[in-house]
């Protein structure tokens, strides 16, 4: 399977659409969530980011 630039741009566009849904639908909830996230320790945020990256890589592996 070859990866084309249009595939990468489509993936980026989908990411932007998905990321924009919550702020569009409920901006107050997003502000409250971000205020809570500020209280998290850096270690916890790094762990959450790492787990999300692992899931993403696993998903990419499964679909390719």
C-alpha atoms as a PDB file:
ATOM      1  CA  UNK A   1       0.000   0.000   0.000  1.00  0.00           C
ATOM      2  CA  UNK A   2       1.459   3.343  -0.989  1.00  0.00           C
ATOM      3  CA  UNK A   3       0.785   6.511   0.931  1.00  0.00           C
ATOM      4  CA  UNK A   4      -0.087   9.518  -1.173  1.00  0.00           C
ATOM      5  CA  UNK A   5      -0.034  13.154  -0.161  1.00  0.00           C
ATOM      6  CA  UNK A   6      -3.793  13.318  -0.705  1.00  0.00           C
ATOM      7  CA  UNK A   7      -4.252  10.530   1.865  1.00  0.00           C
ATOM      8  CA  UNK A   8      -2.256  12.482   4.442  1.00  0.00           C
ATOM      9  CA  UNK A   9      -4.202  15.665   3.721  1.00  0.00           C
ATOM     10  CA  UNK A  10      -7.502  13.788   3.996  1.00  0.00           C
ATOM     11  CA  UNK A  11      -6.423  12.355   7.355  1.00  0.00           C
ATOM     12  CA  UNK A  12      -5.441  15.835   8.574  1.00  0.00           C
ATOM     13  CA  UNK A  13      -8.739  17.291   7.386  1.00  0.00           C
ATOM     14  CA  UNK A  14     -10.679  14.569   9.209  1.00  0.00           C
ATOM     15  CA  UNK A  15      -8.660  15.216  12.372  1.00  0.00           C
ATOM     16  CA  UNK A  16      -9.518  18.926  12.203  1.00  0.00           C
ATOM     17  CA  UNK A  17     -13.219  18.198  11.679  1.00  0.00           C
ATOM     18  CA  UNK A  18     -13.348  15.778  14.612  1.00  0.00           C
ATOM     19  CA  UNK A  19     -11.376  18.148  16.866  1.00  0.00           C
ATOM     20  CA  UNK A  20     -13.719  21.002  16.011  1.00  0.00           C
ATOM     21  CA  UNK A  21     -16.986  19.226  16.835  1.00  0.00           C
ATOM     22  CA  UNK A  22     -16.998  19.732  20.614  1.00  0.00           C
ATOM     23  CA  UNK A  23     -15.928  23.409  20.647  1.00  0.00           C
ATOM     24  CA  UNK A  24     -18.605  24.108  18.032  1.00  0.00           C
ATOM     25  CA  UNK A  25     -21.403  22.228  19.797  1.00  0.00           C
ATOM     26  CA  UNK A  26     -20.603  23.050  23.428  1.00  0.00           C
ATOM     27  CA  UNK A  27     -17.852  25.626  23.990  1.00  0.00           C
ATOM     28  CA  UNK A  28     -18.637  25.948  27.705  1.00  0.00           C
ATOM     29  CA  UNK A  29     -18.004  22.271  28.325  1.00  0.00           C
ATOM     30  CA  UNK A  30     -14.694  22.505  26.470  1.00  0.00           C
ATOM     31  CA  UNK A  31     -13.623  25.426  28.686  1.00  0.00           C
ATOM     32  CA  UNK A  32     -14.527  23.459  31.817  1.00  0.00           C
ATOM     33  CA  UNK A  33     -12.678  20.394  30.553  1.00  0.00           C
ATOM     34  CA  UNK A  34      -9.560  22.418  29.736  1.00  0.00           C
ATOM     35  CA  UNK A  35      -9.644  23.970  33.219  1.00  0.00           C
ATOM     36  CA  UNK A  36      -9.653  20.448  34.687  1.00  0.00           C
ATOM     37  CA  UNK A  37      -6.833  19.336  32.418  1.00  0.00           C
ATOM     38  CA  UNK A  38      -4.647  22.144  33.758  1.00  0.00           C
ATOM     39  CA  UNK A  39      -4.794  20.459  37.163  1.00  0.00           C
ATOM     40  CA  UNK A  40      -3.380  17.176  35.820  1.00  0.00           C
ATOM     41  CA  UNK A  41       0.247  16.344  36.468  1.00  0.00           C
ATOM     42  CA  UNK A  42       2.562  16.457  33.455  1.00  0.00           C
ATOM     43  CA  UNK A  43       3.274  12.750  33.911  1.00  0.00           C
ATOM     44  CA  UNK A  44      -0.429  11.899  33.615  1.00  0.00           C
ATOM     45  CA  UNK A  45      -0.818  13.958  30.440  1.00  0.00           C
ATOM     46  CA  UNK A  46       2.250  12.341  28.904  1.00  0.00           C
ATOM     47  CA  UNK A  47       0.909   8.887  29.741  1.00  0.00           C
ATOM     48  CA  UNK A  48      -2.485   9.709  28.198  1.00  0.00           C
ATOM     49  CA  UNK A  49      -0.780  11.046  25.055  1.00  0.00           C
ATOM     50  CA  UNK A  50       1.422   7.971  24.813  1.00  0.00           C
ATOM     51  CA  UNK A  51      -1.565   5.622  25.138  1.00  0.00           C
ATOM     52  CA  UNK A  52      -3.441   7.537  22.420  1.00  0.00           C
ATOM     53  CA  UNK A  53      -0.425   7.310  20.115  1.00  0.00           C
ATOM     54  CA  UNK A  54      -0.156   3.558  20.723  1.00  0.00           C
ATOM     55  CA  UNK A  55      -3.841   3.083  19.897  1.00  0.00           C
ATOM     56  CA  UNK A  56      -3.408   5.171  16.749  1.00  0.00           C
ATOM     57  CA  UNK A  57      -0.389   3.181  15.576  1.00  0.00           C
ATOM     58  CA  UNK A  58      -2.190  -0.099  16.334  1.00  0.00           C
ATOM     59  CA  UNK A  59      -5.226   1.066  14.382  1.00  0.00           C
ATOM     60  CA  UNK A  60      -3.083   2.104  11.432  1.00  0.00           C
ATOM     61  CA  UNK A  61      -1.386  -1.290  11.524  1.00  0.00           C
ATOM     62  CA  UNK A  62      -4.737  -3.078  11.559  1.00  0.00           C
ATOM     63  CA  UNK A  63      -6.226  -1.168   8.622  1.00  0.00           C
ATOM     64  CA  UNK A  64      -3.171  -1.375   6.394  1.00  0.00           C
END
